[in-house]
Structures are given as C-alpha cells and as structure tokens.
C-alpha cells in the first residue's frame, strides 16, 4: 500500500548538494528496468526480475505514486527512494508506519548518494507528516544497508527471520513538528 495520507503530490523537486529527488517520468523507464533486473541490486531482495517481463509489465511511467522519488544525478536516474505506508509486514511493529526503501544502480554505489537522497526524503517526510515515525527493514547480511540505517538515525526494534535470512527492523523516531519543544 502506498497511501501517505493527505499530502500534496508531486512536491517540487528536492535539490541536495549533488542530487535531485523528483517524481518519476517517462524518460526513467529504462533505468527502472535496469534497476529491477539487476542481480547486484537484488542480492538481498529475493533476486532480480526477468528483463523481458519488466519490458512487458512496466507502465510508461513506473512507480508513479506519492512517496516514490527518482534520484537524479547530472540529469540521469541513478536510483529510487520510496516512502510508503507499511500496510502488510512480517512484523506488527511496522504496520501502519511509513516504510523507507531505496534502490540504486550499482554504478552509483560507494559515493554517499543513498545517504544524501534518503536524508532529503526523510526531511521532506518530516515536513509533510510531522510527528510520524519511519521504519526500515533490511537483511542483517546487507552490511551497507545496516550502516546507512545507523547514519540515518534508525535504531533496532527487532530481528526476525524471513525469506530464509535474518532480517533487521529499525525505527527512526518521529521528528518533532517545527516550533514545538520535544
């Protein structure tokens, strides 16, 4: 489920020092296919989707819904950040909370883009839905994702087993609405 409630969508593009977060567009379709068909990207996500299936199934503007940001570097899509309501989850602690997800093309790994993009998306989220916590789930074997979760302020809620691997669920406390003391 993708419902983030009554938010204005799409927001104006969000510019960071190096990146732009924006809504998906027709020009991003090939990059989405590359992202979803990549064995490297899907090492900890159950494996890639077949490229020929993606070519047939993906709409002209993939992933076009509130909370789905394309991450652009120098005019080209390098990844995606997702914020969506966790309607179903393996852990009750996550249900109903906003769930942060992200995917980046392998050539964009190792430059800090995920940290920069996720932090910007979380700042946007805090502005439009203040007071709401955010969860993030990843495999414990995904060391880079675990490191990113810590940088973004997620603290472990629990570990659990799913998809034949140990999973980690973290939560980022709700941001204090602007102008209010904690």
Protein backbone atom coordinates (compact mmCIF):
# COMPACT_ATOMS: atom_id res chain seq x y z
CA UNK A 1 0.00 0.00 0.00
CA UNK A 2 1.32 3.44 -0.83
CA UNK A 3 -1.07 5.76 1.00
CA UNK A 4 0.79 8.50 2.84
CA UNK A 5 -2.38 10.37 3.64
CA UNK A 6 -3.41 13.83 2.53
CA UNK A 7 -0.13 15.13 1.09
CA UNK A 8 0.33 17.33 -1.94
CA UNK A 9 1.90 15.27 -4.69
CA UNK A 10 4.12 15.67 -6.52
CA UNK A 11 6.23 18.04 -4.47
CA UNK A 12 8.60 20.46 -6.14
CA UNK A 13 11.85 18.69 -6.97
CA UNK A 14 14.13 18.46 -3.95
CA UNK A 15 17.71 19.51 -4.64
CA UNK A 16 20.57 18.33 -2.46
CA UNK A 17 24.23 19.19 -2.87
CA UNK A 18 24.60 16.71 -5.75
CA UNK A 19 21.21 15.16 -6.43
CA UNK A 20 17.63 15.94 -7.39
CA UNK A 21 14.71 13.98 -5.94
CA UNK A 22 11.68 14.19 -8.22
CA UNK A 23 8.64 12.29 -9.35
CA UNK A 24 9.17 9.52 -11.93
CA UNK A 25 8.85 10.40 -15.62
CA UNK A 26 8.61 8.54 -18.93
CA UNK A 27 12.35 9.05 -19.52
CA UNK A 28 13.10 6.92 -16.41
CA UNK A 29 11.54 3.69 -17.69
CA UNK A 30 14.80 2.16 -18.97
CA UNK A 31 16.61 2.96 -15.72
CA UNK A 32 13.75 1.36 -13.73
CA UNK A 33 14.09 -1.78 -15.84
CA UNK A 34 17.86 -1.78 -15.27
CA UNK A 35 17.28 -1.33 -11.53
CA UNK A 36 14.67 -4.09 -11.20
CA UNK A 37 16.57 -6.55 -13.44
CA UNK A 38 19.95 -6.07 -11.74
CA UNK A 39 21.29 -9.14 -9.91
CA UNK A 40 23.59 -6.90 -7.84
CA UNK A 41 20.76 -4.59 -6.73
CA UNK A 42 18.58 -7.55 -5.78
CA UNK A 43 21.19 -9.62 -3.91
CA UNK A 44 19.28 -9.10 -0.65
CA UNK A 45 15.83 -8.63 -2.18
CA UNK A 46 14.96 -12.07 -3.47
CA UNK A 47 16.66 -11.82 -6.84
CA UNK A 48 16.12 -9.75 -9.98
CA UNK A 49 13.05 -9.74 -12.18
CA UNK A 50 13.46 -11.01 -15.76
CA UNK A 51 14.11 -8.08 -18.11
CA UNK A 52 11.65 -9.33 -20.75
CA UNK A 53 8.84 -9.47 -18.16
CA UNK A 54 9.66 -5.97 -16.97
CA UNK A 55 9.61 -4.66 -20.56
CA UNK A 56 6.07 -6.01 -20.92
CA UNK A 57 4.73 -5.15 -17.45
CA UNK A 58 6.09 -1.73 -16.54
CA UNK A 59 3.86 1.20 -17.44
CA UNK A 60 5.28 4.18 -19.34
CA UNK A 61 5.87 5.96 -16.01
CA UNK A 62 6.86 3.26 -13.48
CA UNK A 63 6.40 3.73 -9.74
CA UNK A 64 4.42 6.95 -10.14
CA UNK A 65 2.69 7.38 -6.77
CA UNK A 66 3.09 9.58 -3.67
CA UNK A 67 6.29 8.79 -1.83
CA UNK A 68 8.20 7.45 -4.86
CA UNK A 69 11.18 9.63 -5.70
CA UNK A 70 13.53 9.20 -8.63
CA UNK A 71 17.08 10.08 -7.68
CA UNK A 72 18.76 12.03 -10.44
CA UNK A 73 22.45 12.82 -10.85
CA UNK A 74 23.51 15.11 -13.69
CA UNK A 75 20.17 14.62 -15.47
CA UNK A 76 20.10 10.80 -15.27
CA UNK A 77 18.22 8.48 -12.92
CA UNK A 78 20.60 6.59 -10.63
CA UNK A 79 18.09 5.21 -8.14
CA UNK A 80 14.85 5.43 -6.26
CA UNK A 81 13.80 6.28 -2.71
CA UNK A 82 10.42 5.09 -1.50
CA UNK A 83 8.34 6.17 1.45
CA UNK A 84 5.15 4.17 1.73
CA UNK A 85 2.74 3.10 4.42
CA UNK A 86 3.50 -0.43 5.63
CA UNK A 87 0.05 -2.00 5.31
CA UNK A 88 1.38 -5.53 5.48
CA UNK A 89 4.67 -6.53 7.04
CA UNK A 90 6.29 -9.54 8.64
CA UNK A 91 6.46 -7.57 11.89
CA UNK A 92 3.49 -5.97 13.68
CA UNK A 93 5.72 -3.08 14.87
CA UNK A 94 5.96 -1.84 11.26
CA UNK A 95 2.29 -1.97 10.23
CA UNK A 96 0.78 1.46 9.66
CA UNK A 97 4.11 3.27 9.82
CA UNK A 98 5.94 4.85 6.92
CA UNK A 99 8.49 2.41 5.49
CA UNK A 100 11.69 3.72 3.87
CA UNK A 101 13.11 1.80 0.93
CA UNK A 102 15.75 2.59 -1.65
CA UNK A 103 17.41 1.09 -4.73
CA UNK A 104 20.45 2.42 -6.56
CA UNK A 105 22.11 1.28 -9.75
CA UNK A 106 25.46 -0.43 -9.00
CA UNK A 107 27.47 2.30 -10.76
CA UNK A 108 26.09 4.76 -8.15
CA UNK A 109 27.26 2.72 -5.14
CA UNK A 110 30.01 3.93 -2.82
CA UNK A 111 29.59 7.69 -3.33
CA UNK A 112 27.21 8.50 -0.47
CA UNK A 113 24.25 9.09 -2.78
CA UNK A 114 21.95 6.79 -0.79
CA UNK A 115 22.68 8.65 2.44
CA UNK A 116 22.16 12.04 0.76
CA UNK A 117 18.94 11.02 -1.01
CA UNK A 118 17.37 9.17 1.93
CA UNK A 119 18.16 12.04 4.31
CA UNK A 120 16.50 14.50 1.90
CA UNK A 121 13.43 12.26 1.52
CA UNK A 122 13.17 11.91 5.31
CA UNK A 123 13.43 15.69 5.72
CA UNK A 124 10.59 16.09 3.21
CA UNK A 125 8.56 13.46 5.08
CA UNK A 126 9.12 15.24 8.41
CA UNK A 127 7.82 18.47 6.86
CA UNK A 128 4.66 16.98 5.31
CA UNK A 129 3.81 14.43 8.02
CA UNK A 130 5.42 15.71 11.23
CA UNK A 131 5.28 13.51 14.25
CA UNK A 132 5.29 10.19 12.38
CA UNK A 133 7.96 7.54 12.91
CA UNK A 134 9.56 5.74 9.96
CA UNK A 135 10.66 2.09 9.79
CA UNK A 136 13.30 0.39 7.66
CA UNK A 137 13.82 -3.34 7.19
CA UNK A 138 16.89 -4.98 5.70
CA UNK A 139 18.80 -8.24 5.84
CA UNK A 140 21.46 -8.24 8.53
CA UNK A 141 23.86 -9.60 5.89
CA UNK A 142 23.48 -6.35 3.95
CA UNK A 143 26.24 -4.50 5.78
CA UNK A 144 25.95 -1.35 3.66
CA UNK A 145 22.22 -1.06 4.32
CA UNK A 146 22.77 -1.63 8.05
CA UNK A 147 25.41 1.14 8.04
CA UNK A 148 23.06 3.50 6.18
CA UNK A 149 20.24 2.82 8.66
CA UNK A 150 22.54 3.82 11.53
CA UNK A 151 23.64 7.01 9.74
CA UNK A 152 20.00 7.97 9.22
CA UNK A 153 19.16 7.52 12.90
CA UNK A 154 17.30 4.20 12.79
CA UNK A 155 17.54 2.11 15.96
CA UNK A 156 16.94 -1.62 16.10
CA UNK A 157 13.43 -2.68 17.09
CA UNK A 158 13.92 -6.37 16.45
CA UNK A 159 15.49 -9.06 14.35
CA UNK A 160 13.43 -11.74 12.68
CA UNK A 161 13.67 -14.46 10.10
CA UNK A 162 12.03 -14.08 6.67
CA UNK A 163 12.90 -15.11 3.13
CA UNK A 164 15.40 -17.64 4.55
CA UNK A 165 17.56 -14.92 6.08
CA UNK A 166 17.88 -12.88 9.25
CA UNK A 167 16.15 -9.51 8.88
CA UNK A 168 16.60 -6.31 10.85
CA UNK A 169 13.80 -3.87 11.61
CA UNK A 170 14.76 -0.38 12.68
CA UNK A 171 12.71 2.64 13.59
CA UNK A 172 13.51 6.33 13.32
CA UNK A 173 11.73 8.31 15.98
CA UNK A 174 9.12 10.79 14.89
CA UNK A 175 10.50 14.24 14.21
CA UNK A 176 9.23 16.99 16.46
CA UNK A 177 6.96 19.31 14.48
CA UNK A 178 8.60 22.66 13.74
CA UNK A 179 8.23 25.22 16.51
CA UNK A 180 7.45 22.67 19.23
CA UNK A 181 9.79 21.70 22.02
CA UNK A 182 10.50 17.97 22.38
